[in-house]
Amino acid sequence: MTELIELLREKSVRFGTFTLASGKTSDFYVDARQTTLHAIGSVRVAEAVLNVLHDDIVGVGGLTLGADPIACATSAISSLKGRPIHAFLIRKEAKGHGTGKRVEGMANLSPGDKVAIVEDTTTTGGSLLQAVAQAEAVGLVVTQCITIVDRQEGASERIAAAGYTLTALVTRDMLEAT
């Protein structure tokens, strides 16, 4: 976990003034994609996700773009470790052509399958809950929610109020610790 925290600090954490997806302004910004798209970072993230993943989970996915590298790396590493977990991707809106799907990868999963929703950075939990709703709309059973970085700004409480538990691999406090 130490190596993942160091990679996040080096590649993803910035201090300054930033406007977040929630519209709030913050002095702390995490672009975890810089770590999840890094060759070593992707492996460390996948290993960390696999370490906390419940035994009955058969799929991992979340909202595109932040969840995509997490889900795909976790799927690949899980196969190498002899416990294949399938990835799925959730579009922010349905495609305007083809099958019009919002959830990709369902050929590898079935309604009733237990899955985990993953996210790169969580602030208020809104995006994560949106992914939960879309996964459940296609019949998947969300039994776990995992974020790489919890900014500790209410996501855990909001997700708990919706009936889920958020597992954070890393928190803002851990990233700011010296």
C-alpha atoms as a PDB file:
ATOM      1  CA  MET A   1       0.000   0.000   0.000  1.00  0.00           C
ATOM      2  CA  THR A   2       2.941   2.317   0.669  1.00  0.00           C
ATOM      3  CA  GLU A   3       3.988   2.198  -2.975  1.00  0.00           C
ATOM      4  CA  LEU A   4       0.443   3.050  -4.112  1.00  0.00           C
ATOM      5  CA  ILE A   5       0.293   6.022  -1.736  1.00  0.00           C
ATOM      6  CA  GLU A   6       3.664   7.275  -2.982  1.00  0.00           C
ATOM      7  CA  LEU A   7       2.569   6.930  -6.624  1.00  0.00           C
ATOM      8  CA  LEU A   8      -0.650   8.817  -5.872  1.00  0.00           C
ATOM      9  CA  ARG A   9       1.314  11.593  -4.166  1.00  0.00           C
ATOM     10  CA  GLU A  10       3.753  11.818  -7.066  1.00  0.00           C
ATOM     11  CA  LYS A  11       1.379  11.432 -10.023  1.00  0.00           C
ATOM     12  CA  SER A  12      -2.089  12.427  -8.859  1.00  0.00           C
ATOM     13  CA  VAL A  13      -2.200  14.833  -5.890  1.00  0.00           C
ATOM     14  CA  ARG A  14      -2.106  18.591  -6.445  1.00  0.00           C
ATOM     15  CA  PHE A  15      -2.537  21.539  -4.099  1.00  0.00           C
ATOM     16  CA  GLY A  16      -3.926  24.913  -5.219  1.00  0.00           C
ATOM     17  CA  THR A  17      -7.428  26.096  -6.074  1.00  0.00           C
ATOM     18  CA  PHE A  18      -9.621  23.684  -8.013  1.00  0.00           C
ATOM     19  CA  THR A  19     -13.291  23.379  -8.978  1.00  0.00           C
ATOM     20  CA  LEU A  20     -14.473  19.809  -8.432  1.00  0.00           C
ATOM     21  CA  ALA A  21     -17.116  17.837 -10.360  1.00  0.00           C
ATOM     22  CA  SER A  22     -19.482  18.561  -7.478  1.00  0.00           C
ATOM     23  CA  GLY A  23     -19.062  22.297  -8.181  1.00  0.00           C
ATOM     24  CA  LYS A  24     -17.285  22.860  -4.884  1.00  0.00           C
ATOM     25  CA  THR A  25     -13.933  24.626  -4.699  1.00  0.00           C
ATOM     26  CA  SER A  26     -11.047  22.823  -3.007  1.00  0.00           C
ATOM     27  CA  ASP A  27      -7.388  23.357  -2.183  1.00  0.00           C
ATOM     28  CA  PHE A  28      -6.758  19.626  -2.728  1.00  0.00           C
ATOM     29  CA  TYR A  29      -7.123  17.825  -6.048  1.00  0.00           C
ATOM     30  CA  VAL A  30      -6.621  14.166  -6.908  1.00  0.00           C
ATOM     31  CA  ASP A  31      -6.456  13.061 -10.540  1.00  0.00           C
ATOM     32  CA  ALA A  32      -6.163   9.360  -9.714  1.00  0.00           C
ATOM     33  CA  ARG A  33      -6.276   8.482 -13.420  1.00  0.00           C
ATOM     34  CA  GLN A  34      -2.620   9.539 -13.593  1.00  0.00           C
ATOM     35  CA  THR A  35      -1.906   6.650 -11.221  1.00  0.00           C
ATOM     36  CA  THR A  36      -4.448   4.123 -12.533  1.00  0.00           C
ATOM     37  CA  LEU A  37      -3.090   4.620 -16.070  1.00  0.00           C
ATOM     38  CA  HIS A  38       0.544   4.263 -14.925  1.00  0.00           C
ATOM     39  CA  ALA A  39       2.063   0.821 -15.648  1.00  0.00           C
ATOM     40  CA  ILE A  40       3.033   0.123 -12.028  1.00  0.00           C
ATOM     41  CA  GLY A  41       0.155   2.155 -10.580  1.00  0.00           C
ATOM     42  CA  SER A  42      -2.447   0.083 -12.408  1.00  0.00           C
ATOM     43  CA  VAL A  43      -1.005  -3.128 -10.995  1.00  0.00           C
ATOM     44  CA  ARG A  44      -0.836  -1.721  -7.437  1.00  0.00           C
ATOM     45  CA  VAL A  45      -4.430  -0.478  -7.692  1.00  0.00           C
ATOM     46  CA  ALA A  46      -5.636  -3.847  -9.008  1.00  0.00           C
ATOM     47  CA  GLU A  47      -3.815  -5.713  -6.244  1.00  0.00           C
ATOM     48  CA  ALA A  48      -5.291  -3.394  -3.604  1.00  0.00           C
ATOM     49  CA  VAL A  49      -8.805  -3.853  -5.009  1.00  0.00           C
ATOM     50  CA  LEU A  50      -8.385  -7.632  -5.099  1.00  0.00           C
ATOM     51  CA  ASN A  51      -7.190  -7.589  -1.469  1.00  0.00           C
ATOM     52  CA  VAL A  52     -10.467  -6.039  -0.276  1.00  0.00           C
ATOM     53  CA  LEU A  53     -12.833  -7.708  -2.752  1.00  0.00           C
ATOM     54  CA  HIS A  54     -15.413 -10.016  -1.208  1.00  0.00           C
ATOM     55  CA  ASP A  55     -15.110 -13.677  -2.198  1.00  0.00           C
ATOM     56  CA  ASP A  56     -18.514 -13.765  -3.932  1.00  0.00           C
ATOM     57  CA  ILE A  57     -17.810 -10.867  -6.324  1.00  0.00           C
ATOM     58  CA  VAL A  58     -17.659 -11.907  -9.995  1.00  0.00           C
ATOM     59  CA  GLY A  59     -17.479  -8.465 -11.644  1.00  0.00           C
ATOM     60  CA  VAL A  60     -16.022  -4.998 -11.098  1.00  0.00           C
ATOM     61  CA  GLY A  61     -16.987  -1.832 -12.899  1.00  0.00           C
ATOM     62  CA  GLY A  62     -18.155   1.723 -12.623  1.00  0.00           C
ATOM     63  CA  LEU A  63     -18.724   4.962 -14.450  1.00  0.00           C
ATOM     64  CA  THR A  64     -16.516   5.645 -17.410  1.00  0.00           C
ATOM     65  CA  LEU A  65     -13.793   7.176 -17.440  1.00  0.00           C
ATOM     66  CA  GLY A  66     -12.490   6.983 -13.899  1.00  0.00           C
ATOM     67  CA  ALA A  67     -13.485   3.374 -13.243  1.00  0.00           C
ATOM     68  CA  ASP A  68     -12.397   1.948 -16.598  1.00  0.00           C
ATOM     69  CA  PRO A  69      -8.670   1.452 -15.897  1.00  0.00           C
ATOM     70  CA  ILE A  70      -9.432   0.160 -12.384  1.00  0.00           C
ATOM     71  CA  ALA A  71     -11.955  -2.412 -13.606  1.00  0.00           C
ATOM     72  CA  CYS A  72      -9.803  -3.568 -16.524  1.00  0.00           C
ATOM     73  CA  ALA A  73      -6.578  -3.837 -14.501  1.00  0.00           C
ATOM     74  CA  THR A  74      -8.396  -5.668 -11.697  1.00  0.00           C
ATOM     75  CA  SER A  75      -9.890  -8.100 -14.208  1.00  0.00           C
ATOM     76  CA  ALA A  76      -6.523  -8.788 -15.845  1.00  0.00           C
ATOM     77  CA  ILE A  77      -4.613  -9.235 -12.577  1.00  0.00           C
ATOM     78  CA  SER A  78      -7.414 -11.394 -11.115  1.00  0.00           C
ATOM     79  CA  SER A  79      -7.068 -13.796 -14.017  1.00  0.00           C
ATOM     80  CA  LEU A  80      -3.300 -14.037 -13.501  1.00  0.00           C
ATOM     81  CA  LYS A  81      -3.937 -14.832  -9.825  1.00  0.00           C
ATOM     82  CA  GLY A  82      -6.382 -17.641 -10.707  1.00  0.00           C
ATOM     83  CA  ARG A  83      -9.556 -15.840  -9.607  1.00  0.00           C
ATOM     84  CA  PRO A  84     -11.073 -14.352 -12.790  1.00  0.00           C
ATOM     85  CA  ILE A  85     -13.223 -11.296 -12.133  1.00  0.00           C
ATOM     86  CA  HIS A  86     -14.912  -9.744 -15.171  1.00  0.00           C
ATOM     87  CA  ALA A  87     -14.850  -6.026 -15.891  1.00  0.00           C
ATOM     88  CA  PHE A  88     -17.858  -3.976 -16.947  1.00  0.00           C
ATOM     89  CA  LEU A  89     -18.103  -0.333 -17.945  1.00  0.00           C
ATOM     90  CA  ILE A  90     -20.988   2.060 -17.363  1.00  0.00           C
ATOM     91  CA  ARG A  91     -21.544   4.899 -19.809  1.00  0.00           C
ATOM     92  CA  LYS A  92     -22.714   8.240 -18.454  1.00  0.00           C
ATOM     93  CA  GLU A  93     -25.523   8.121 -21.012  1.00  0.00           C
ATOM     94  CA  ALA A  94     -26.818   5.521 -23.443  1.00  0.00           C
ATOM     95  CA  LYS A  95     -25.201   5.238 -26.848  1.00  0.00           C
ATOM     96  CA  GLY A  96     -27.153   6.929 -29.617  1.00  0.00           C
ATOM     97  CA  HIS A  97     -26.450   4.068 -32.016  1.00  0.00           C
ATOM     98  CA  GLY A  98     -26.068   0.285 -32.105  1.00  0.00           C
ATOM     99  CA  THR A  99     -27.682  -1.415 -29.129  1.00  0.00           C
ATOM    100  CA  GLY A 100     -27.894   1.765 -27.060  1.00  0.00           C
ATOM    101  CA  LYS A 101     -26.398   0.062 -24.008  1.00  0.00           C
ATOM    102  CA  ARG A 102     -25.267   1.944 -20.924  1.00  0.00           C
ATOM    103  CA  VAL A 103     -23.535  -1.056 -19.376  1.00  0.00           C
ATOM    104  CA  GLU A 104     -20.852  -2.788 -21.454  1.00  0.00           C
ATOM    105  CA  GLY A 105     -19.488  -6.242 -20.662  1.00  0.00           C
ATOM    106  CA  MET A 106     -22.776  -7.948 -19.807  1.00  0.00           C
ATOM    107  CA  ALA A 107     -21.951 -10.895 -22.092  1.00  0.00           C
ATOM    108  CA  ASN A 108     -19.615 -11.964 -19.273  1.00  0.00           C
ATOM    109  CA  LEU A 109     -22.104 -11.417 -16.439  1.00  0.00           C
ATOM    110  CA  SER A 110     -25.657 -12.475 -15.668  1.00  0.00           C
ATOM    111  CA  PRO A 111     -28.520 -10.833 -13.801  1.00  0.00           C
ATOM    112  CA  GLY A 112     -28.131 -11.705 -10.130  1.00  0.00           C
ATOM    113  CA  ASP A 113     -24.333 -11.722 -10.249  1.00  0.00           C
ATOM    114  CA  LYS A 114     -22.661  -9.972  -7.315  1.00  0.00           C
ATOM    115  CA  VAL A 115     -20.443  -7.084  -8.346  1.00  0.00           C
ATOM    116  CA  ALA A 116     -18.372  -4.266  -6.921  1.00  0.00           C
ATOM    117  CA  ILE A 117     -18.599  -0.693  -8.103  1.00  0.00           C
ATOM    118  CA  VAL A 118     -15.195   0.980  -8.272  1.00  0.00           C
ATOM    119  CA  GLU A 119     -14.240   4.629  -8.592  1.00  0.00           C
ATOM    120  CA  ASP A 120     -10.972   6.509  -8.767  1.00  0.00           C
ATOM    121  CA  THR A 121     -11.743   9.453  -6.475  1.00  0.00           C
ATOM    122  CA  THR A 122     -14.793   9.990  -4.292  1.00  0.00           C
ATOM    123  CA  THR A 123     -15.953  13.348  -2.948  1.00  0.00           C
ATOM    124  CA  THR A 124     -19.717  13.338  -2.361  1.00  0.00           C
ATOM    125  CA  GLY A 125     -20.460   9.836  -3.683  1.00  0.00           C
ATOM    126  CA  GLY A 126     -22.879  11.010  -6.372  1.00  0.00           C
ATOM    127  CA  SER A 127     -21.064   9.383  -9.295  1.00  0.00           C
ATOM    128  CA  LEU A 128     -20.638   6.146  -7.408  1.00  0.00           C
ATOM    129  CA  LEU A 129     -24.343   5.999  -6.560  1.00  0.00           C
ATOM    130  CA  GLN A 130     -25.193   6.727 -10.187  1.00  0.00           C
ATOM    131  CA  ALA A 131     -23.079   3.708 -11.180  1.00  0.00           C
ATOM    132  CA  VAL A 132     -24.813   1.564  -8.534  1.00  0.00           C
ATOM    133  CA  ALA A 133     -28.215   2.504  -9.978  1.00  0.00           C
ATOM    134  CA  GLN A 134     -27.169   1.643 -13.541  1.00  0.00           C
ATOM    135  CA  ALA A 135     -25.629  -1.692 -12.526  1.00  0.00           C
ATOM    136  CA  GLU A 136     -28.750  -2.627 -10.601  1.00  0.00           C
ATOM    137  CA  ALA A 137     -30.949  -1.533 -13.537  1.00  0.00           C
ATOM    138  CA  VAL A 138     -29.425  -4.348 -15.632  1.00  0.00           C
ATOM    139  CA  GLY A 139     -29.919  -6.883 -12.844  1.00  0.00           C
ATOM    140  CA  LEU A 140     -26.497  -6.907 -11.202  1.00  0.00           C
ATOM    141  CA  VAL A 141     -26.386  -7.082  -7.406  1.00  0.00           C
ATOM    142  CA  VAL A 142     -24.038  -4.452  -5.990  1.00  0.00           C
ATOM    143  CA  THR A 143     -22.593  -5.762  -2.750  1.00  0.00           C
ATOM    144  CA  GLN A 144     -19.462  -3.643  -2.529  1.00  0.00           C
ATOM    145  CA  CYS A 145     -18.334  -0.102  -3.342  1.00  0.00           C
ATOM    146  CA  ILE A 146     -14.610   0.662  -3.541  1.00  0.00           C
ATOM    147  CA  THR A 147     -12.808   3.937  -4.153  1.00  0.00           C
ATOM    148  CA  ILE A 148      -9.102   4.397  -4.702  1.00  0.00           C
ATOM    149  CA  VAL A 149      -9.118   7.786  -2.920  1.00  0.00           C
ATOM    150  CA  ASP A 150     -11.780   9.067  -0.521  1.00  0.00           C
ATOM    151  CA  ARG A 151     -11.457  12.842  -0.207  1.00  0.00           C
ATOM    152  CA  GLN A 152     -13.347  12.523   3.111  1.00  0.00           C
ATOM    153  CA  GLU A 153     -16.020  15.051   2.148  1.00  0.00           C
ATOM    154  CA  GLY A 154     -19.190  13.090   2.832  1.00  0.00           C
ATOM    155  CA  ALA A 155     -19.155  10.233   0.304  1.00  0.00           C
ATOM    156  CA  SER A 156     -18.925   7.489   2.897  1.00  0.00           C
ATOM    157  CA  GLU A 157     -21.895   8.857   4.828  1.00  0.00           C
ATOM    158  CA  ARG A 158     -24.002   9.431   1.707  1.00  0.00           C
ATOM    159  CA  ILE A 159     -23.297   5.940   0.418  1.00  0.00           C
ATOM    160  CA  ALA A 160     -24.114   4.469   3.839  1.00  0.00           C
ATOM    161  CA  ALA A 161     -27.416   6.378   3.857  1.00  0.00           C
ATOM    162  CA  ALA A 162     -28.234   4.673   0.537  1.00  0.00           C
ATOM    163  CA  GLY A 163     -27.609   1.261   2.119  1.00  0.00           C
ATOM    164  CA  TYR A 164     -24.074   0.525   0.914  1.00  0.00           C
ATOM    165  CA  THR A 165     -20.619   0.600   2.469  1.00  0.00           C
ATOM    166  CA  LEU A 166     -17.710   2.459   0.901  1.00  0.00           C
ATOM    167  CA  THR A 167     -14.271   0.899   1.179  1.00  0.00           C
ATOM    168  CA  ALA A 168     -11.513   3.455   0.625  1.00  0.00           C
ATOM    169  CA  LEU A 169      -8.083   2.144  -0.303  1.00  0.00           C
ATOM    170  CA  VAL A 170      -6.537   5.542   0.473  1.00  0.00           C
ATOM    171  CA  THR A 171      -7.904   8.648   2.201  1.00  0.00           C
ATOM    172  CA  ARG A 172      -7.032  12.311   2.004  1.00  0.00           C
ATOM    173  CA  ASP A 173      -5.554  12.019   5.506  1.00  0.00           C
ATOM    174  CA  MET A 174      -3.196   9.263   4.295  1.00  0.00           C
ATOM    175  CA  LEU A 175      -2.109  11.343   1.297  1.00  0.00           C
ATOM    176  CA  GLU A 176      -1.454  14.436   3.418  1.00  0.00           C
ATOM    177  CA  ALA A 177       0.431  12.550   6.163  1.00  0.00           C
ATOM    178  CA  THR A 178       4.161  13.079   6.155  1.00  0.00           C
END
